[in-house]
All heavy atoms as atom14 arrays in JSON, in Angstrom:
{
  "sequence": "WFRQAPGKEREFVAAIRWSGTNTYYADSV",
  "atom14_mask": [
    [1, 1, 1, 1, 1, 1, 1, 1, 1, 1, 1, 1, 1, 1],
    [1, 1, 1, 1, 1, 1, 1, 1, 1, 1, 1, 0, 0, 0],
    [1, 1, 1, 1, 1, 1, 1, 1, 1, 1, 1, 0, 0, 0],
    [1, 1, 1, 1, 1, 1, 1, 1, 1, 0, 0, 0, 0, 0],
    [1, 1, 1, 1, 1, 0, 0, 0, 0, 0, 0, 0, 0, 0],
    [1, 1, 1, 1, 1, 1, 1, 0, 0, 0, 0, 0, 0, 0],
    [1, 1, 1, 1, 0, 0, 0, 0, 0, 0, 0, 0, 0, 0],
    [1, 1, 1, 1, 1, 1, 1, 1, 1, 0, 0, 0, 0, 0],
    [1, 1, 1, 1, 1, 1, 1, 1, 1, 0, 0, 0, 0, 0],
    [1, 1, 1, 1, 1, 1, 1, 1, 1, 1, 1, 0, 0, 0],
    [1, 1, 1, 1, 1, 1, 1, 1, 1, 0, 0, 0, 0, 0],
    [1, 1, 1, 1, 1, 1, 1, 1, 1, 1, 1, 0, 0, 0],
    [1, 1, 1, 1, 1, 1, 1, 0, 0, 0, 0, 0, 0, 0],
    [1, 1, 1, 1, 1, 0, 0, 0, 0, 0, 0, 0, 0, 0],
    [1, 1, 1, 1, 1, 0, 0, 0, 0, 0, 0, 0, 0, 0],
    [1, 1, 1, 1, 1, 1, 1, 1, 0, 0, 0, 0, 0, 0],
    [1, 1, 1, 1, 1, 1, 1, 1, 1, 1, 1, 0, 0, 0],
    [1, 1, 1, 1, 1, 1, 1, 1, 1, 1, 1, 1, 1, 1],
    [1, 1, 1, 1, 1, 1, 0, 0, 0, 0, 0, 0, 0, 0],
    [1, 1, 1, 1, 0, 0, 0, 0, 0, 0, 0, 0, 0, 0],
    [1, 1, 1, 1, 1, 1, 1, 0, 0, 0, 0, 0, 0, 0],
    [1, 1, 1, 1, 1, 1, 1, 1, 0, 0, 0, 0, 0, 0],
    [1, 1, 1, 1, 1, 1, 1, 0, 0, 0, 0, 0, 0, 0],
    [1, 1, 1, 1, 1, 1, 1, 1, 1, 1, 1, 1, 0, 0],
    [1, 1, 1, 1, 1, 1, 1, 1, 1, 1, 1, 1, 0, 0],
    [1, 1, 1, 1, 1, 0, 0, 0, 0, 0, 0, 0, 0, 0],
    [1, 1, 1, 1, 1, 1, 1, 1, 0, 0, 0, 0, 0, 0],
    [1, 1, 1, 1, 1, 1, 0, 0, 0, 0, 0, 0, 0, 0],
    [1, 1, 1, 1, 1, 1, 1, 0, 0, 0, 0, 0, 0, 0]
  ],
  "atom14_positions": [
    [[84.82, -124.63, -27.8], [83.66, -123.99, -28.4], [84.08, -123.25, -29.66], [85.14, -122.61, -29.69], [83.01, -122.99, -27.43], [82.32, -123.62, -26.26], [82.84, -123.87, -25.04], [80.96, -124.07, -26.23], [81.9, -124.45, -24.23], [80.74, -124.58, -24.93], [79.93, -124.08, -27.15], [79.5, -125.1, -24.54], [78.7, -124.61, -26.77], [78.49, -125.1, -25.48]],
    [[83.24, -123.35, -30.66], [83.37, -122.59, -31.89], [82.06, -121.86, -32.14], [81.04, -122.14, -31.51], [83.68, -123.51, -33.07], [85.05, -124.13, -33.05], [85.36, -125.12, -32.15], [86.03, -123.7, -33.93], [86.62, -125.7, -32.12], [87.29, -124.26, -33.92], [87.58, -125.26, -33.01], [0.0, 0.0, 0.0], [0.0, 0.0, 0.0], [0.0, 0.0, 0.0]],
    [[82.11, -120.92, -33.07], [80.88, -120.25, -33.46], [80.91, -119.95, -34.95], [81.97, -119.83, -35.55], [80.66, -118.96, -32.66], [81.68, -117.87, -32.92], [81.46, -116.71, -31.96], [82.37, -115.61, -32.22], [82.47, -114.53, -31.45], [81.69, -114.42, -30.37], [83.33, -113.58, -31.76], [0.0, 0.0, 0.0], [0.0, 0.0, 0.0], [0.0, 0.0, 0.0]],
    [[79.73, -119.81, -35.51], [79.62, -119.52, -36.93], [78.42, -118.61, -37.17], [77.3, -118.98, -36.87], [79.48, -120.81, -37.75], [79.56, -120.59, -39.24], [79.76, -121.88, -40.01], [79.44, -122.96, -39.51], [80.29, -121.78, -41.2], [0.0, 0.0, 0.0], [0.0, 0.0, 0.0], [0.0, 0.0, 0.0], [0.0, 0.0, 0.0], [0.0, 0.0, 0.0]],
    [[78.69, -117.45, -37.7], [77.66, -116.51, -38.08], [77.3, -116.72, -39.55], [78.1, -117.25, -40.32], [78.13, -115.08, -37.85], [0.0, 0.0, 0.0], [0.0, 0.0, 0.0], [0.0, 0.0, 0.0], [0.0, 0.0, 0.0], [0.0, 0.0, 0.0], [0.0, 0.0, 0.0], [0.0, 0.0, 0.0], [0.0, 0.0, 0.0], [0.0, 0.0, 0.0]],
    [[76.1, -116.31, -39.96], [75.7, -116.47, -41.36], [76.71, -115.84, -42.31], [77.11, -114.69, -42.14], [74.35, -115.77, -41.42], [73.81, -115.86, -40.04], [75.01, -115.73, -39.15], [0.0, 0.0, 0.0], [0.0, 0.0, 0.0], [0.0, 0.0, 0.0], [0.0, 0.0, 0.0], [0.0, 0.0, 0.0], [0.0, 0.0, 0.0], [0.0, 0.0, 0.0]],
    [[77.12, -116.6, -43.3], [78.07, -116.12, -44.28], [79.5, -116.04, -43.81], [80.36, -115.57, -44.56], [0.0, 0.0, 0.0], [0.0, 0.0, 0.0], [0.0, 0.0, 0.0], [0.0, 0.0, 0.0], [0.0, 0.0, 0.0], [0.0, 0.0, 0.0], [0.0, 0.0, 0.0], [0.0, 0.0, 0.0], [0.0, 0.0, 0.0], [0.0, 0.0, 0.0]],
    [[79.76, -116.5, -42.6], [81.1, -116.43, -42.04], [81.67, -117.83, -41.84], [80.96, -118.82, -41.79], [81.09, -115.7, -40.7], [80.54, -114.29, -40.75], [81.44, -113.37, -41.55], [80.93, -111.94, -41.49], [81.8, -111.02, -42.26], [0.0, 0.0, 0.0], [0.0, 0.0, 0.0], [0.0, 0.0, 0.0], [0.0, 0.0, 0.0], [0.0, 0.0, 0.0]],
    [[82.98, -117.88, -41.74], [83.68, -119.12, -41.46], [83.52, -119.5, -39.99], [83.46, -118.63, -39.12], [85.16, -118.96, -41.83], [86.0, -120.2, -41.66], [87.42, -119.97, -42.13], [87.6, -119.68, -43.33], [88.34, -120.07, -41.31], [0.0, 0.0, 0.0], [0.0, 0.0, 0.0], [0.0, 0.0, 0.0], [0.0, 0.0, 0.0], [0.0, 0.0, 0.0]],
    [[83.45, -120.78, -39.74], [83.4, -121.23, -38.36], [84.71, -120.88, -37.66], [85.79, -121.19, -38.15], [83.15, -122.74, -38.29], [82.9, -123.25, -36.89], [82.4, -124.7, -36.9], [81.13, -124.83, -37.59], [80.42, -125.96, -37.63], [80.85, -127.04, -37.0], [79.28, -125.98, -38.3], [0.0, 0.0, 0.0], [0.0, 0.0, 0.0], [0.0, 0.0, 0.0]],
    [[84.6, -120.22, -36.51], [85.79, -119.73, -35.84], [85.91, -120.25, -34.42], [84.92, -120.51, -33.74], [85.81, -118.19, -35.83], [84.7, -117.55, -35.01], [84.84, -116.04, -34.9], [85.88, -115.5, -35.3], [83.89, -115.4, -34.41], [0.0, 0.0, 0.0], [0.0, 0.0, 0.0], [0.0, 0.0, 0.0], [0.0, 0.0, 0.0], [0.0, 0.0, 0.0]],
    [[87.14, -120.36, -34.0], [87.45, -120.8, -32.66], [87.04, -119.75, -31.63], [87.22, -118.56, -31.85], [88.95, -121.07, -32.56], [89.45, -121.24, -31.16], [89.17, -122.39, -30.44], [90.22, -120.26, -30.55], [89.63, -122.56, -29.14], [90.69, -120.42, -29.27], [90.39, -121.57, -28.57], [0.0, 0.0, 0.0], [0.0, 0.0, 0.0], [0.0, 0.0, 0.0]],
    [[86.51, -120.21, -30.51], [86.12, -119.32, -29.42], [86.94, -119.59, -28.17], [87.57, -118.68, -27.62], [84.62, -119.45, -29.1], [84.25, -118.6, -27.88], [83.77, -119.06, -30.3], [0.0, 0.0, 0.0], [0.0, 0.0, 0.0], [0.0, 0.0, 0.0], [0.0, 0.0, 0.0], [0.0, 0.0, 0.0], [0.0, 0.0, 0.0], [0.0, 0.0, 0.0]],
    [[86.93, -120.83, -27.71], [87.63, -121.17, -26.47], [87.86, -122.66, -26.4], [87.15, -123.45, -27.03], [86.82, -120.71, -25.24], [0.0, 0.0, 0.0], [0.0, 0.0, 0.0], [0.0, 0.0, 0.0], [0.0, 0.0, 0.0], [0.0, 0.0, 0.0], [0.0, 0.0, 0.0], [0.0, 0.0, 0.0], [0.0, 0.0, 0.0], [0.0, 0.0, 0.0]],
    [[88.86, -123.06, -25.64], [89.16, -124.48, -25.44], [89.68, -124.69, -24.02], [90.16, -123.76, -23.37], [90.19, -124.97, -26.46], [0.0, 0.0, 0.0], [0.0, 0.0, 0.0], [0.0, 0.0, 0.0], [0.0, 0.0, 0.0], [0.0, 0.0, 0.0], [0.0, 0.0, 0.0], [0.0, 0.0, 0.0], [0.0, 0.0, 0.0], [0.0, 0.0, 0.0]],
    [[89.6, -125.94, -23.58], [90.02, -126.27, -22.22], [90.54, -127.69, -22.18], [90.01, -128.59, -22.83], [88.83, -126.06, -21.24], [89.29, -126.23, -19.79], [87.68, -127.01, -21.58], [88.23, -125.77, -18.79], [0.0, 0.0, 0.0], [0.0, 0.0, 0.0], [0.0, 0.0, 0.0], [0.0, 0.0, 0.0], [0.0, 0.0, 0.0], [0.0, 0.0, 0.0]],
    [[91.6, -127.89, -21.41], [92.11, -129.23, -21.19], [91.28, -129.96, -20.14], [90.47, -129.37, -19.43], [93.58, -129.17, -20.75], [94.54, -128.7, -21.83], [95.98, -128.92, -21.39], [96.93, -128.47, -22.39], [97.34, -129.19, -23.42], [96.87, -130.43, -23.59], [98.21, -128.68, -24.27], [0.0, 0.0, 0.0], [0.0, 0.0, 0.0], [0.0, 0.0, 0.0]],
    [[91.52, -131.26, -20.02], [90.78, -132.07, -19.07], [90.91, -131.55, -17.65], [89.92, -131.56, -16.89], [91.26, -133.52, -19.15], [90.73, -134.4, -18.06], [89.5, -134.98, -18.01], [91.41, -134.78, -16.86], [89.37, -135.72, -16.85], [90.53, -135.61, -16.13], [92.68, -134.51, -16.34], [90.88, -136.17, -14.9], [93.03, -135.06, -15.11], [92.14, -135.88, -14.42]],
    [[92.09, -131.13, -17.27], [92.33, -130.66, -15.91], [91.58, -129.38, -15.59], [91.34, -129.07, -14.42], [93.82, -130.45, -15.68], [94.3, -129.36, -16.46], [0.0, 0.0, 0.0], [0.0, 0.0, 0.0], [0.0, 0.0, 0.0], [0.0, 0.0, 0.0], [0.0, 0.0, 0.0], [0.0, 0.0, 0.0], [0.0, 0.0, 0.0], [0.0, 0.0, 0.0]],
    [[91.24, -128.62, -16.62], [90.6, -127.34, -16.42], [91.55, -126.22, -16.07], [91.13, -125.06, -15.95], [0.0, 0.0, 0.0], [0.0, 0.0, 0.0], [0.0, 0.0, 0.0], [0.0, 0.0, 0.0], [0.0, 0.0, 0.0], [0.0, 0.0, 0.0], [0.0, 0.0, 0.0], [0.0, 0.0, 0.0], [0.0, 0.0, 0.0], [0.0, 0.0, 0.0]],
    [[92.83, -126.54, -15.91], [93.81, -125.53, -15.52], [94.43, -124.8, -16.69], [95.13, -123.8, -16.49], [94.93, -126.17, -14.68], [95.57, -127.19, -15.44], [94.36, -126.77, -13.41], [0.0, 0.0, 0.0], [0.0, 0.0, 0.0], [0.0, 0.0, 0.0], [0.0, 0.0, 0.0], [0.0, 0.0, 0.0], [0.0, 0.0, 0.0], [0.0, 0.0, 0.0]],
    [[94.21, -125.29, -17.9], [94.71, -124.63, -19.09], [93.54, -124.27, -19.99], [92.81, -125.16, -20.45], [95.69, -125.52, -19.84], [96.94, -125.81, -19.05], [97.05, -126.85, -18.39], [97.9, -124.9, -19.11], [0.0, 0.0, 0.0], [0.0, 0.0, 0.0], [0.0, 0.0, 0.0], [0.0, 0.0, 0.0], [0.0, 0.0, 0.0], [0.0, 0.0, 0.0]],
    [[93.38, -123.0, -20.22], [92.31, -122.52, -21.08], [92.87, -121.65, -22.18], [93.95, -121.05, -22.04], [91.26, -121.73, -20.28], [91.91, -120.66, -19.59], [90.58, -122.63, -19.26], [0.0, 0.0, 0.0], [0.0, 0.0, 0.0], [0.0, 0.0, 0.0], [0.0, 0.0, 0.0], [0.0, 0.0, 0.0], [0.0, 0.0, 0.0], [0.0, 0.0, 0.0]],
    [[92.13, -121.56, -23.27], [92.57, -120.84, -24.46], [91.38, -120.07, -25.02], [90.26, -120.58, -25.05], [93.1, -121.82, -25.51], [94.11, -122.81, -24.96], [93.69, -123.96, -24.32], [95.47, -122.56, -25.06], [94.61, -124.86, -23.79], [96.39, -123.46, -24.54], [95.96, -124.6, -23.9], [96.87, -125.49, -23.38], [0.0, 0.0, 0.0], [0.0, 0.0, 0.0]],
    [[91.64, -118.86, -25.47], [90.57, -118.0, -25.94], [90.96, -117.27, -27.21], [92.12, -116.89, -27.4], [90.19, -116.95, -24.9], [89.66, -117.52, -23.61], [90.5, -117.74, -22.53], [88.32, -117.84, -23.48], [90.01, -118.26, -21.35], [87.82, -118.37, -22.3], [88.67, -118.58, -21.24], [88.19, -119.09, -20.06], [0.0, 0.0, 0.0], [0.0, 0.0, 0.0]],
    [[89.98, -117.07, -28.07], [90.17, -116.17, -29.19], [90.28, -114.75, -28.66], [89.67, -114.39, -27.65], [89.01, -116.28, -30.17], [0.0, 0.0, 0.0], [0.0, 0.0, 0.0], [0.0, 0.0, 0.0], [0.0, 0.0, 0.0], [0.0, 0.0, 0.0], [0.0, 0.0, 0.0], [0.0, 0.0, 0.0], [0.0, 0.0, 0.0], [0.0, 0.0, 0.0]],
    [[91.06, -113.93, -29.36], [91.23, -112.55, -28.93], [89.9, -111.8, -28.84], [89.73, -110.92, -28.0], [92.18, -111.82, -29.87], [93.62, -112.26, -29.72], [93.96, -112.85, -28.67], [94.41, -112.02, -30.65], [0.0, 0.0, 0.0], [0.0, 0.0, 0.0], [0.0, 0.0, 0.0], [0.0, 0.0, 0.0], [0.0, 0.0, 0.0], [0.0, 0.0, 0.0]],
    [[88.97, -112.16, -29.69], [87.7, -111.45, -29.76], [86.84, -111.65, -28.51], [85.93, -110.85, -28.26], [86.92, -111.87, -31.0], [86.68, -113.27, -30.99], [0.0, 0.0, 0.0], [0.0, 0.0, 0.0], [0.0, 0.0, 0.0], [0.0, 0.0, 0.0], [0.0, 0.0, 0.0], [0.0, 0.0, 0.0], [0.0, 0.0, 0.0], [0.0, 0.0, 0.0]],
    [[87.1, -112.7, -27.75], [86.28, -112.98, -26.57], [87.08, -112.95, -25.28], [86.49, -113.06, -24.19], [85.57, -114.34, -26.69], [84.77, -114.41, -27.98], [86.56, -115.49, -26.61], [0.0, 0.0, 0.0], [0.0, 0.0, 0.0], [0.0, 0.0, 0.0], [0.0, 0.0, 0.0], [0.0, 0.0, 0.0], [0.0, 0.0, 0.0], [0.0, 0.0, 0.0]]
  ]
}
């Protein structure tokens, strides 16, 4: 998942591998 606010750069939010056992998050969330 990514997100983009008006006037801002599109930023990374979270990611997940196929297995679901490895997840990654932006510090902000």
